[in-house]
């Protein structure tokens, strides 16, 4: 690959990897507690 392609891929990776990691941490934080039988909602 030429230098420009590798540079673009590096910039994209350095931009998207932190976003993906933050999203994973956020989703873990939101869904960290277990659902209890008393929490069941009627529809």
Protein backbone atom coordinates (compact mmCIF):
# COMPACT_ATOMS: atom_id res chain seq x y z
CA UNK A 1 0.00 0.00 0.00
CA UNK A 2 1.15 3.49 -0.59
CA UNK A 3 1.94 5.94 2.18
CA UNK A 4 -1.28 7.95 1.79
CA UNK A 5 -3.53 4.88 2.19
CA UNK A 6 -1.72 3.83 5.36
CA UNK A 7 -1.95 7.36 6.73
CA UNK A 8 -5.70 7.53 6.09
CA UNK A 9 -6.24 4.10 7.67
CA UNK A 10 -4.22 5.16 10.73
CA UNK A 11 -6.20 8.37 11.17
CA UNK A 12 -9.51 6.52 10.79
CA UNK A 13 -8.40 3.84 13.27
CA UNK A 14 -7.19 6.42 15.81
CA UNK A 15 -10.54 8.18 15.50
CA UNK A 16 -12.89 5.19 15.63
CA UNK A 17 -11.19 2.92 18.19
CA UNK A 18 -11.74 5.33 21.13
CA UNK A 19 -15.35 5.86 20.03
CA UNK A 20 -15.98 2.10 19.95
CA UNK A 21 -14.32 1.63 23.35
CA UNK A 22 -16.37 4.44 24.90
CA UNK A 23 -19.56 2.95 23.46
CA UNK A 24 -18.67 -0.47 24.87
CA UNK A 25 -18.01 1.04 28.31
CA UNK A 26 -21.26 3.03 28.17
CA UNK A 27 -23.34 -0.01 27.20
CA UNK A 28 -21.71 -2.06 29.97
CA UNK A 29 -22.47 0.73 32.47
CA UNK A 30 -26.11 1.03 31.38
CA UNK A 31 -26.79 -2.73 31.49
CA UNK A 32 -24.63 -3.61 34.51
CA UNK A 33 -27.46 -4.41 36.93
CA UNK A 34 -29.55 -7.55 36.77
CA UNK A 35 -33.30 -7.41 36.34
CA UNK A 36 -35.19 -8.54 39.43
CA UNK A 37 -38.61 -10.22 39.32
CA UNK A 38 -40.06 -7.17 41.11
CA UNK A 39 -38.82 -4.96 38.25
CA UNK A 40 -41.05 -6.72 35.72
CA UNK A 41 -43.33 -4.27 33.96
CA UNK A 42 -46.76 -5.12 32.59
CA UNK A 43 -47.50 -4.10 29.03
